[in-house]
PDB file of N, CA and C in Angstrom:
ATOM      1  N   MET A   1       0.840  -1.165   0.000  1.00  0.00           N
ATOM      2  CA  MET A   1       0.000   0.000   0.000  1.00  0.00           C
ATOM      3  C   MET A   1       0.895   1.241   0.000  1.00  0.00           C
ATOM      4  N   ALA A   2       0.650   2.140  -0.910  1.00  0.00           N
ATOM      5  CA  ALA A   2       1.445   3.348  -1.044  1.00  0.00           C
ATOM      6  C   ALA A   2       1.089   4.357   0.050  1.00  0.00           C
ATOM      7  N   MET A   3       2.120   5.104   0.488  1.00  0.00           N
ATOM      8  CA  MET A   3       1.878   6.134   1.487  1.00  0.00           C
ATOM      9  C   MET A   3       1.611   7.463   0.798  1.00  0.00           C
ATOM     10  N   THR A   4       0.812   8.247   1.444  1.00  0.00           N
ATOM     11  CA  THR A   4       0.503   9.566   0.896  1.00  0.00           C
ATOM     12  C   THR A   4       1.649  10.522   1.215  1.00  0.00           C
ATOM     13  N   GLU A   5       1.652  11.643   0.538  1.00  0.00           N
ATOM     14  CA  GLU A   5       2.663  12.680   0.797  1.00  0.00           C
ATOM     15  C   GLU A   5       2.566  13.160   2.243  1.00  0.00           C
ATOM     16  N   ALA A   6       1.350  13.268   2.758  1.00  0.00           N
ATOM     17  CA  ALA A   6       1.160  13.699   4.151  1.00  0.00           C
ATOM     18  C   ALA A   6       1.782  12.707   5.126  1.00  0.00           C
ATOM     19  N   GLN A   7       1.672  11.416   4.830  1.00  0.00           N
ATOM     20  CA  GLN A   7       2.276  10.403   5.693  1.00  0.00           C
ATOM     21  C   GLN A   7       3.797  10.511   5.672  1.00  0.00           C
ATOM     22  N   HIS A   8       4.375  10.702   4.490  1.00  0.00           N
ATOM     23  CA  HIS A   8       5.824  10.875   4.387  1.00  0.00           C
ATOM     24  C   HIS A   8       6.285  12.083   5.192  1.00  0.00           C
ATOM     25  N   LEU A   9       5.564  13.172   5.074  1.00  0.00           N
ATOM     26  CA  LEU A   9       5.924  14.379   5.810  1.00  0.00           C
ATOM     27  C   LEU A   9       5.819  14.162   7.318  1.00  0.00           C
ATOM     28  N   ALA A  10       4.776  13.467   7.742  1.00  0.00           N
ATOM     29  CA  ALA A  10       4.598  13.197   9.172  1.00  0.00           C
ATOM     30  C   ALA A  10       5.708  12.300   9.712  1.00  0.00           C
ATOM     31  N   ILE A  11       6.079  11.291   8.960  1.00  0.00           N
ATOM     32  CA  ILE A  11       7.161  10.391   9.378  1.00  0.00           C
ATOM     33  C   ILE A  11       8.472  11.151   9.486  1.00  0.00           C
ATOM     34  N   ASN A  12       8.782  11.961   8.479  1.00  0.00           N
ATOM     35  CA  ASN A  12      10.018  12.735   8.503  1.00  0.00           C
ATOM     36  C   ASN A  12      10.030  13.736   9.652  1.00  0.00           C
ATOM     37  N   LYS A  13       8.888  14.342   9.930  1.00  0.00           N
ATOM     38  CA  LYS A  13       8.789  15.279  11.052  1.00  0.00           C
ATOM     39  C   LYS A  13       9.051  14.560  12.371  1.00  0.00           C
ATOM     40  N   TYR A  14       8.459  13.374  12.551  1.00  0.00           N
ATOM     41  CA  TYR A  14       8.678  12.586  13.763  1.00  0.00           C
ATOM     42  C   TYR A  14      10.152  12.230  13.910  1.00  0.00           C
ATOM     43  N   ARG A  15      10.768  11.781  12.808  1.00  0.00           N
ATOM     44  CA  ARG A  15      12.181  11.382  12.856  1.00  0.00           C
ATOM     45  C   ARG A  15      13.085  12.550  13.214  1.00  0.00           C
ATOM     46  N   ARG A  16      12.797  13.730  12.690  1.00  0.00           N
ATOM     47  CA  ARG A  16      13.601  14.910  13.024  1.00  0.00           C
ATOM     48  C   ARG A  16      13.421  15.300  14.487  1.00  0.00           C
ATOM     49  N   LYS A  17      12.193  15.225  14.961  1.00  0.00           N
ATOM     50  CA  LYS A  17      11.879  15.626  16.328  1.00  0.00           C
ATOM     51  C   LYS A  17      12.384  14.603  17.353  1.00  0.00           C
ATOM     52  N   ASN A  18      12.455  13.343  16.967  1.00  0.00           N
ATOM     53  CA  ASN A  18      12.830  12.257  17.875  1.00  0.00           C
ATOM     54  C   ASN A  18      14.063  11.512  17.374  1.00  0.00           C
ATOM     55  N   ARG A  19      15.107  12.281  17.035  1.00  0.00           N
ATOM     56  CA  ARG A  19      16.315  11.715  16.441  1.00  0.00           C
ATOM     57  C   ARG A  19      16.965  10.641  17.334  1.00  0.00           C
ATOM     58  N   ALA A  20      17.083  10.899  18.609  1.00  0.00           N
ATOM     59  CA  ALA A  20      17.732   9.943  19.518  1.00  0.00           C
ATOM     60  C   ALA A  20      16.935   8.641  19.596  1.00  0.00           C
ATOM     61  N   ARG A  21      15.628   8.730  19.691  1.00  0.00           N
ATOM     62  CA  ARG A  21      14.781   7.532  19.766  1.00  0.00           C
ATOM     63  C   ARG A  21      14.870   6.733  18.466  1.00  0.00           C
ATOM     64  N   THR A  22      14.866   7.441  17.329  1.00  0.00           N
ATOM     65  CA  THR A  22      14.965   6.789  16.033  1.00  0.00           C
ATOM     66  C   THR A  22      16.296   6.054  15.906  1.00  0.00           C
ATOM     67  N   GLN A  23      17.384   6.688  16.335  1.00  0.00           N
ATOM     68  CA  GLN A  23      18.703   6.042  16.287  1.00  0.00           C
ATOM     69  C   GLN A  23      18.736   4.814  17.192  1.00  0.00           C
ATOM     70  N   TYR A  24      18.152   4.925  18.378  1.00  0.00           N
ATOM     71  CA  TYR A  24      18.097   3.794  19.309  1.00  0.00           C
ATOM     72  C   TYR A  24      17.386   2.605  18.668  1.00  0.00           C
ATOM     73  N   ILE A  25      16.231   2.856  18.072  1.00  0.00           N
ATOM     74  CA  ILE A  25      15.454   1.783  17.447  1.00  0.00           C
ATOM     75  C   ILE A  25      16.230   1.165  16.280  1.00  0.00           C
ATOM     76  N   ASN A  26      16.868   1.991  15.468  1.00  0.00           N
ATOM     77  CA  ASN A  26      17.639   1.476  14.331  1.00  0.00           C
ATOM     78  C   ASN A  26      18.816   0.631  14.794  1.00  0.00           C
ATOM     79  N   ARG A  27      19.547   1.105  15.792  1.00  0.00           N
ATOM     80  CA  ARG A  27      20.703   0.352  16.298  1.00  0.00           C
ATOM     81  C   ARG A  27      20.276  -0.980  16.906  1.00  0.00           C
ATOM     82  N   LYS A  28      19.179  -0.961  17.635  1.00  0.00           N
ATOM     83  CA  LYS A  28      18.654  -2.193  18.229  1.00  0.00           C
ATOM     84  C   LYS A  28      18.296  -3.199  17.140  1.00  0.00           C
ATOM     85  N   SER A  29      17.678  -2.734  16.094  1.00  0.00           N
ATOM     86  CA  SER A  29      17.285  -3.593  14.975  1.00  0.00           C
ATOM     87  C   SER A  29      18.502  -4.175  14.272  1.00  0.00           C
ATOM     88  N   VAL A  30      19.514  -3.350  14.045  1.00  0.00           N
ATOM     89  CA  VAL A  30      20.737  -3.821  13.388  1.00  0.00           C
ATOM     90  C   VAL A  30      21.414  -4.894  14.235  1.00  0.00           C
ATOM     91  N   ALA A  31      21.500  -4.662  15.546  1.00  0.00           N
ATOM     92  CA  ALA A  31      22.132  -5.633  16.444  1.00  0.00           C
ATOM     93  C   ALA A  31      21.374  -6.955  16.441  1.00  0.00           C
ATOM     94  N   LYS A  32      20.061  -6.878  16.538  1.00  0.00           N
ATOM     95  CA  LYS A  32      19.245  -8.093  16.563  1.00  0.00           C
ATOM     96  C   LYS A  32      19.387  -8.879  15.269  1.00  0.00           C
ATOM     97  N   ASN A  33      19.320  -8.186  14.139  1.00  0.00           N
ATOM     98  CA  ASN A  33      19.443  -8.865  12.853  1.00  0.00           C
ATOM     99  C   ASN A  33      20.826  -9.480  12.664  1.00  0.00           C
ATOM    100  N   PHE A  34      21.871  -8.804  13.133  1.00  0.00           N
ATOM    101  CA  PHE A  34      23.209  -9.379  13.057  1.00  0.00           C
ATOM    102  C   PHE A  34      23.276 -10.677  13.852  1.00  0.00           C
ATOM    103  N   ILE A  35      22.755 -10.640  15.073  1.00  0.00           N
ATOM    104  CA  ILE A  35      22.796 -11.823  15.933  1.00  0.00           C
ATOM    105  C   ILE A  35      22.010 -12.977  15.312  1.00  0.00           C
ATOM    106  N   LEU A  36      20.831 -12.697  14.808  1.00  0.00           N
ATOM    107  CA  LEU A  36      19.963 -13.754  14.292  1.00  0.00           C
ATOM    108  C   LEU A  36      20.379 -14.279  12.917  1.00  0.00           C
ATOM    109  N   LYS A  37      21.044 -13.460  12.113  1.00  0.00           N
ATOM    110  CA  LYS A  37      21.288 -13.855  10.730  1.00  0.00           C
ATOM    111  C   LYS A  37      22.751 -14.067  10.369  1.00  0.00           C
ATOM    112  N   ASP A  38      23.678 -13.311  10.968  1.00  0.00           N
ATOM    113  CA  ASP A  38      25.049 -13.313  10.470  1.00  0.00           C
ATOM    114  C   ASP A  38      26.110 -13.749  11.472  1.00  0.00           C
ATOM    115  N   ALA A  39      25.828 -13.689  12.751  1.00  0.00           N
ATOM    116  CA  ALA A  39      26.850 -13.916  13.764  1.00  0.00           C
ATOM    117  C   ALA A  39      27.372 -15.347  13.752  1.00  0.00           C
ATOM    118  N   THR A  40      28.691 -15.446  13.909  1.00  0.00           N
ATOM    119  CA  THR A  40      29.329 -16.756  14.042  1.00  0.00           C
ATOM    120  C   THR A  40      29.357 -17.123  15.526  1.00  0.00           C
ATOM    121  N   ALA A  41      29.792 -18.326  15.820  1.00  0.00           N
ATOM    122  CA  ALA A  41      29.901 -18.764  17.223  1.00  0.00           C
ATOM    123  C   ALA A  41      30.860 -17.849  17.979  1.00  0.00           C
ATOM    124  N   ASN A  42      31.965 -17.469  17.345  1.00  0.00           N
ATOM    125  CA  ASN A  42      32.928 -16.571  17.993  1.00  0.00           C
ATOM    126  C   ASN A  42      32.309 -15.201  18.243  1.00  0.00           C
ATOM    127  N   ASP A  43      31.552 -14.709  17.289  1.00  0.00           N
ATOM    128  CA  ASP A  43      30.860 -13.430  17.464  1.00  0.00           C
ATOM    129  C   ASP A  43      29.914 -13.492  18.657  1.00  0.00           C
ATOM    130  N   LEU A  44      29.153 -14.569  18.752  1.00  0.00           N
ATOM    131  CA  LEU A  44      28.191 -14.703  19.848  1.00  0.00           C
ATOM    132  C   LEU A  44      28.878 -14.770  21.204  1.00  0.00           C
ATOM    133  N   THR A  45      30.012 -15.466  21.268  1.00  0.00           N
ATOM    134  CA  THR A  45      30.771 -15.542  22.518  1.00  0.00           C
ATOM    135  C   THR A  45      31.251 -14.158  22.931  1.00  0.00           C
ATOM    136  N   MET A  46      31.790 -13.412  21.977  1.00  0.00           N
ATOM    137  CA  MET A  46      32.265 -12.064  22.249  1.00  0.00           C
ATOM    138  C   MET A  46      31.111 -11.160  22.682  1.00  0.00           C
ATOM    139  N   LEU A  47      29.985 -11.274  22.007  1.00  0.00           N
ATOM    140  CA  LEU A  47      28.829 -10.455  22.353  1.00  0.00           C
ATOM    141  C   LEU A  47      28.291 -10.791  23.740  1.00  0.00           C
ATOM    142  N   LEU A  48      28.266 -12.071  24.081  1.00  0.00           N
ATOM    143  CA  LEU A  48      27.812 -12.463  25.424  1.00  0.00           C
ATOM    144  C   LEU A  48      28.698 -11.853  26.502  1.00  0.00           C
ATOM    145  N   ASN A  49      30.008 -11.830  26.259  1.00  0.00           N
ATOM    146  CA  ASN A  49      30.927 -11.201  27.217  1.00  0.00           C
ATOM    147  C   ASN A  49      30.641  -9.705  27.327  1.00  0.00           C
ATOM    148  N   CYS A  50      30.396  -9.057  26.212  1.00  0.00           N
ATOM    149  CA  CYS A  50      30.070  -7.625  26.219  1.00  0.00           C
ATOM    150  C   CYS A  50      28.762  -7.372  26.954  1.00  0.00           C
ATOM    151  N   ILE A  51      27.792  -8.240  26.759  1.00  0.00           N
ATOM    152  CA  ILE A  51      26.496  -8.094  27.426  1.00  0.00           C
ATOM    153  C   ILE A  51      26.657  -8.241  28.936  1.00  0.00           C
ATOM    154  N   LYS A  52      27.423  -9.222  29.366  1.00  0.00           N
ATOM    155  CA  LYS A  52      27.645  -9.416  30.794  1.00  0.00           C
ATOM    156  C   LYS A  52      28.334  -8.207  31.407  1.00  0.00           C
ATOM    157  N   GLN A  53      29.314  -7.664  30.692  1.00  0.00           N
ATOM    158  CA  GLN A  53      30.025  -6.470  31.172  1.00  0.00           C
ATOM    159  C   GLN A  53      29.063  -5.289  31.290  1.00  0.00           C
ATOM    160  N   ARG A  54      28.222  -5.103  30.285  1.00  0.00           N
ATOM    161  CA  ARG A  54      27.270  -3.985  30.292  1.00  0.00           C
ATOM    162  C   ARG A  54      26.248  -4.158  31.413  1.00  0.00           C
ATOM    163  N   GLN A  55      25.779  -5.387  31.627  1.00  0.00           N
ATOM    164  CA  GLN A  55      24.835  -5.646  32.722  1.00  0.00           C
ATOM    165  C   GLN A  55      25.472  -5.291  34.064  1.00  0.00           C
ATOM    166  N   HIS A  56      26.730  -5.646  34.207  1.00  0.00           N
ATOM    167  CA  HIS A  56      27.452  -5.324  35.451  1.00  0.00           C
ATOM    168  C   HIS A  56      27.550  -3.807  35.631  1.00  0.00           C
ATOM    169  N   GLU A  57      27.871  -3.082  34.551  1.00  0.00           N
ATOM    170  CA  GLU A  57      27.963  -1.621  34.629  1.00  0.00           C
ATOM    171  C   GLU A  57      26.620  -1.005  35.005  1.00  0.00           C
ATOM    172  N   LEU A  58      25.541  -1.516  34.440  1.00  0.00           N
ATOM    173  CA  LEU A  58      24.221  -0.953  34.707  1.00  0.00           C
ATOM    174  C   LEU A  58      23.717  -1.275  36.107  1.00  0.00           C
ATOM    175  N   SER A  59      24.197  -2.366  36.686  1.00  0.00           N
ATOM    176  CA  SER A  59      23.731  -2.738  38.023  1.00  0.00           C
ATOM    177  C   SER A  59      24.430  -1.958  39.115  1.00  0.00           C
ATOM    178  N   ASN A  60      25.502  -1.286  38.776  1.00  0.00           N
ATOM    179  CA  ASN A  60      26.242  -0.488  39.790  1.00  0.00           C
ATOM    180  C   ASN A  60      25.798   0.929  39.824  1.00  0.00           C
TER     181      ASN A  60
END
């Protein structure tokens, strides 16, 4: 289904107004897709270590 010009303008306005939130959502999506589609066993091991480190930082 095609979007109208008004919808495009509204989306772009939201993205400009909420740049940090948009970047957060995009980065989260990229990370998830990498893990689910491209990551090797070594990548997953490294990522798990990074996740544990980040969890430790957030708990302090």
